[in-house]
Amino acid sequence: MLLEFPPKYSGATVAQELKSVSSAHLRKKFKFIDKIYSHSGLWSDGYFISTVGLNEDNIRLYIDKQNKYDIGVDVTSELSPDSHE
């Protein structure tokens, strides 16, 4: 997932909000989740955030390709500059 947000928000705040809102949405849509997780959190406590700069085009390309393939397929070999001409 590639996100852009104003610098006034910390990465931790954005991650917390994403997890909170998505958890509430999923619990509302899929009632069985409450039976599985009861009162525990749906998401793990941690998160990973990395900033992008010069690699943003490659990261966007990777995400686009992941949307076209089944999860688990390694498409990193397709990210070379010659592969998308």
N, C-alpha and C. Protein backbone atom coordinates (compact mmCIF):
# COMPACT_ATOMS: atom_id res chain seq x y z
N MET A 1 0.85 -1.15 0.00
CA MET A 1 0.00 0.00 0.00
C MET A 1 0.91 1.23 0.00
N LEU A 2 0.67 2.10 -0.91
CA LEU A 2 1.44 3.34 -1.00
C LEU A 2 0.50 4.48 -0.64
N LEU A 3 0.86 5.22 0.40
CA LEU A 3 0.03 6.32 0.87
C LEU A 3 0.81 7.61 0.84
N GLU A 4 0.10 8.68 0.61
CA GLU A 4 0.68 10.01 0.73
C GLU A 4 -0.18 10.77 1.72
N PHE A 5 0.47 11.36 2.72
CA PHE A 5 -0.27 12.14 3.70
C PHE A 5 0.56 13.34 4.11
N PRO A 6 -0.12 14.40 4.58
CA PRO A 6 0.59 15.63 4.95
C PRO A 6 1.58 15.38 6.09
N PRO A 7 2.67 16.12 6.09
CA PRO A 7 3.69 15.92 7.12
C PRO A 7 3.23 16.26 8.54
N LYS A 8 2.09 16.93 8.67
CA LYS A 8 1.60 17.23 10.02
C LYS A 8 1.12 15.97 10.75
N TYR A 9 0.90 14.87 10.00
CA TYR A 9 0.50 13.60 10.60
C TYR A 9 1.71 12.68 10.67
N SER A 10 1.90 12.05 11.79
CA SER A 10 3.00 11.09 11.90
C SER A 10 2.59 9.77 11.26
N GLY A 11 3.58 9.01 10.87
CA GLY A 11 3.31 7.68 10.33
C GLY A 11 2.58 6.81 11.33
N ALA A 12 2.93 6.94 12.60
CA ALA A 12 2.28 6.15 13.65
C ALA A 12 0.79 6.49 13.74
N THR A 13 0.46 7.78 13.64
CA THR A 13 -0.93 8.21 13.70
C THR A 13 -1.72 7.66 12.51
N VAL A 14 -1.14 7.73 11.33
CA VAL A 14 -1.80 7.23 10.12
C VAL A 14 -2.02 5.71 10.22
N ALA A 15 -0.98 4.99 10.66
CA ALA A 15 -1.11 3.53 10.80
C ALA A 15 -2.20 3.18 11.81
N GLN A 16 -2.21 3.87 12.94
CA GLN A 16 -3.22 3.61 13.97
C GLN A 16 -4.63 3.86 13.44
N GLU A 17 -4.80 4.96 12.72
CA GLU A 17 -6.12 5.29 12.17
C GLU A 17 -6.56 4.27 11.11
N LEU A 18 -5.63 3.88 10.24
CA LEU A 18 -5.96 2.87 9.22
C LEU A 18 -6.40 1.56 9.87
N LYS A 19 -5.66 1.13 10.87
CA LYS A 19 -5.99 -0.12 11.53
C LYS A 19 -7.33 -0.02 12.26
N SER A 20 -7.58 1.10 12.91
CA SER A 20 -8.81 1.29 13.66
C SER A 20 -10.03 1.32 12.73
N VAL A 21 -9.96 2.14 11.70
CA VAL A 21 -11.10 2.28 10.78
C VAL A 21 -11.34 0.99 10.00
N SER A 22 -10.27 0.36 9.53
CA SER A 22 -10.46 -0.87 8.75
C SER A 22 -10.99 -2.00 9.63
N SER A 23 -10.55 -2.06 10.88
CA SER A 23 -11.05 -3.08 11.80
C SER A 23 -12.54 -2.90 12.03
N ALA A 24 -12.96 -1.66 12.30
CA ALA A 24 -14.39 -1.40 12.53
C ALA A 24 -15.21 -1.75 11.30
N HIS A 25 -14.71 -1.39 10.13
CA HIS A 25 -15.43 -1.68 8.88
C HIS A 25 -15.55 -3.20 8.66
N LEU A 26 -14.43 -3.91 8.85
CA LEU A 26 -14.46 -5.36 8.65
C LEU A 26 -15.36 -6.05 9.66
N ARG A 27 -15.31 -5.62 10.92
CA ARG A 27 -16.17 -6.22 11.95
C ARG A 27 -17.66 -5.98 11.66
N LYS A 28 -17.96 -4.82 11.10
CA LYS A 28 -19.35 -4.52 10.76
C LYS A 28 -19.81 -5.36 9.56
N LYS A 29 -18.94 -5.51 8.59
CA LYS A 29 -19.30 -6.23 7.36
C LYS A 29 -19.32 -7.75 7.56
N PHE A 30 -18.37 -8.26 8.37
CA PHE A 30 -18.25 -9.70 8.59
C PHE A 30 -18.44 -10.00 10.06
N LYS A 31 -19.67 -10.27 10.44
CA LYS A 31 -20.03 -10.46 11.85
C LYS A 31 -19.26 -11.59 12.52
N PHE A 32 -18.84 -12.59 11.77
CA PHE A 32 -18.15 -13.73 12.36
C PHE A 32 -16.78 -13.36 12.93
N ILE A 33 -16.24 -12.23 12.53
CA ILE A 33 -14.92 -11.81 13.03
C ILE A 33 -14.95 -11.65 14.55
N ASP A 34 -16.05 -11.11 15.09
CA ASP A 34 -16.15 -10.94 16.53
C ASP A 34 -16.12 -12.27 17.27
N LYS A 35 -16.64 -13.33 16.65
CA LYS A 35 -16.61 -14.65 17.28
C LYS A 35 -15.19 -15.21 17.30
N ILE A 36 -14.43 -14.88 16.29
CA ILE A 36 -13.06 -15.40 16.19
C ILE A 36 -12.11 -14.62 17.10
N TYR A 37 -12.21 -13.32 17.08
CA TYR A 37 -11.27 -12.47 17.80
C TYR A 37 -11.81 -11.92 19.11
N SER A 38 -13.07 -12.13 19.42
CA SER A 38 -13.77 -11.59 20.59
C SER A 38 -13.36 -10.13 20.82
N HIS A 39 -12.73 -9.82 21.94
CA HIS A 39 -12.39 -8.42 22.23
C HIS A 39 -10.94 -8.09 21.90
N SER A 40 -10.23 -9.05 21.39
CA SER A 40 -8.83 -8.76 21.04
C SER A 40 -8.79 -7.97 19.73
N GLY A 41 -7.68 -7.37 19.49
CA GLY A 41 -7.53 -6.58 18.27
C GLY A 41 -7.48 -7.44 17.03
N LEU A 42 -8.00 -6.91 15.96
CA LEU A 42 -7.99 -7.62 14.70
C LEU A 42 -6.60 -7.62 14.08
N TRP A 43 -5.89 -6.53 14.22
CA TRP A 43 -4.56 -6.38 13.65
C TRP A 43 -3.50 -6.58 14.72
N SER A 44 -2.30 -6.92 14.30
CA SER A 44 -1.20 -7.07 15.25
C SER A 44 -0.82 -5.69 15.81
N ASP A 45 -0.07 -5.68 16.88
CA ASP A 45 0.30 -4.43 17.52
C ASP A 45 1.25 -3.60 16.66
N GLY A 46 2.08 -4.24 15.89
CA GLY A 46 3.11 -3.52 15.15
C GLY A 46 2.67 -3.05 13.78
N TYR A 47 3.57 -2.34 13.14
CA TYR A 47 3.37 -1.89 11.77
C TYR A 47 4.74 -1.55 11.19
N PHE A 48 4.81 -1.45 9.89
CA PHE A 48 6.06 -1.07 9.23
C PHE A 48 5.76 0.09 8.29
N ILE A 49 6.57 1.12 8.38
CA ILE A 49 6.42 2.27 7.50
C ILE A 49 7.80 2.59 6.94
N SER A 50 7.82 2.87 5.68
CA SER A 50 9.08 3.29 5.04
C SER A 50 8.75 4.45 4.11
N THR A 51 9.63 5.40 4.05
CA THR A 51 9.43 6.51 3.13
C THR A 51 10.01 6.15 1.78
N VAL A 52 9.48 6.77 0.75
CA VAL A 52 9.99 6.53 -0.60
C VAL A 52 10.48 7.85 -1.17
N GLY A 53 11.36 7.74 -2.08
CA GLY A 53 11.90 8.92 -2.76
C GLY A 53 12.23 8.51 -4.18
N LEU A 54 13.48 8.22 -4.41
CA LEU A 54 13.92 7.86 -5.75
C LEU A 54 13.31 6.55 -6.22
N ASN A 55 12.89 5.69 -5.32
CA ASN A 55 12.34 4.39 -5.70
C ASN A 55 10.82 4.40 -5.86
N GLU A 56 10.18 5.55 -5.77
CA GLU A 56 8.72 5.59 -5.80
C GLU A 56 8.15 4.99 -7.08
N ASP A 57 8.75 5.28 -8.22
CA ASP A 57 8.24 4.71 -9.48
C ASP A 57 8.30 3.19 -9.46
N ASN A 58 9.39 2.62 -8.96
CA ASN A 58 9.50 1.16 -8.87
C ASN A 58 8.49 0.59 -7.90
N ILE A 59 8.25 1.27 -6.80
CA ILE A 59 7.27 0.79 -5.82
C ILE A 59 5.87 0.83 -6.41
N ARG A 60 5.53 1.91 -7.11
CA ARG A 60 4.22 1.99 -7.77
C ARG A 60 4.07 0.87 -8.81
N LEU A 61 5.10 0.62 -9.58
CA LEU A 61 5.08 -0.45 -10.58
C LEU A 61 4.87 -1.80 -9.92
N TYR A 62 5.57 -2.04 -8.82
CA TYR A 62 5.43 -3.30 -8.09
C TYR A 62 3.99 -3.47 -7.61
N ILE A 63 3.41 -2.43 -7.03
CA ILE A 63 2.03 -2.51 -6.55
C ILE A 63 1.07 -2.76 -7.70
N ASP A 64 1.24 -2.07 -8.81
CA ASP A 64 0.39 -2.29 -9.99
C ASP A 64 0.49 -3.73 -10.47
N LYS A 65 1.69 -4.26 -10.51
CA LYS A 65 1.87 -5.64 -10.98
C LYS A 65 1.26 -6.63 -9.99
N GLN A 66 1.37 -6.34 -8.68
CA GLN A 66 0.76 -7.24 -7.69
C GLN A 66 -0.74 -7.31 -7.88
N ASN A 67 -1.35 -6.24 -8.31
CA ASN A 67 -2.80 -6.25 -8.54
C ASN A 67 -3.17 -7.15 -9.71
N LYS A 68 -2.23 -7.46 -10.59
CA LYS A 68 -2.50 -8.26 -11.77
C LYS A 68 -2.17 -9.74 -11.57
N TYR A 69 -1.47 -10.06 -10.53
CA TYR A 69 -1.04 -11.44 -10.27
C TYR A 69 -1.65 -11.94 -8.98
N ASP A 70 -1.67 -13.26 -8.84
CA ASP A 70 -2.11 -13.86 -7.58
C ASP A 70 -1.11 -13.51 -6.49
N ILE A 71 -1.58 -13.43 -5.28
CA ILE A 71 -0.68 -13.19 -4.15
C ILE A 71 0.31 -14.34 -4.07
N GLY A 72 1.55 -14.01 -3.81
CA GLY A 72 2.58 -15.04 -3.69
C GLY A 72 3.46 -15.15 -4.91
N VAL A 73 3.08 -14.52 -6.00
CA VAL A 73 3.90 -14.56 -7.20
C VAL A 73 4.94 -13.46 -7.12
N ASP A 74 6.19 -13.81 -7.28
CA ASP A 74 7.28 -12.83 -7.21
C ASP A 74 7.43 -12.16 -8.57
N VAL A 75 7.16 -10.86 -8.61
CA VAL A 75 7.27 -10.12 -9.87
C VAL A 75 8.45 -9.15 -9.85
N THR A 76 9.35 -9.32 -8.89
CA THR A 76 10.47 -8.39 -8.78
C THR A 76 11.35 -8.41 -10.01
N SER A 77 11.44 -9.54 -10.72
CA SER A 77 12.26 -9.59 -11.92
C SER A 77 11.69 -8.70 -13.02
N GLU A 78 10.42 -8.38 -12.93
CA GLU A 78 9.78 -7.52 -13.93
C GLU A 78 9.97 -6.04 -13.65
N LEU A 79 10.67 -5.70 -12.61
CA LEU A 79 10.84 -4.31 -12.23
C LEU A 79 12.10 -3.68 -12.80
N SER A 80 12.83 -4.42 -13.60
CA SER A 80 14.03 -3.83 -14.21
C SER A 80 13.59 -2.77 -15.22
N PRO A 81 14.40 -1.75 -15.44
CA PRO A 81 14.02 -0.67 -16.34
C PRO A 81 13.65 -1.15 -17.75
N ASP A 82 14.24 -2.24 -18.22
CA ASP A 82 13.96 -2.74 -19.57
C ASP A 82 12.64 -3.48 -19.67
N SER A 83 12.08 -3.91 -18.55
CA SER A 83 10.90 -4.78 -18.59
C SER A 83 9.60 -4.04 -18.88
N HIS A 84 9.54 -2.74 -18.70
CA HIS A 84 8.27 -2.05 -18.91
C HIS A 84 8.34 -1.04 -20.05
N GLU A 85 9.19 -1.33 -21.02
CA GLU A 85 9.26 -0.47 -22.20
C GLU A 85 8.24 -0.87 -23.22
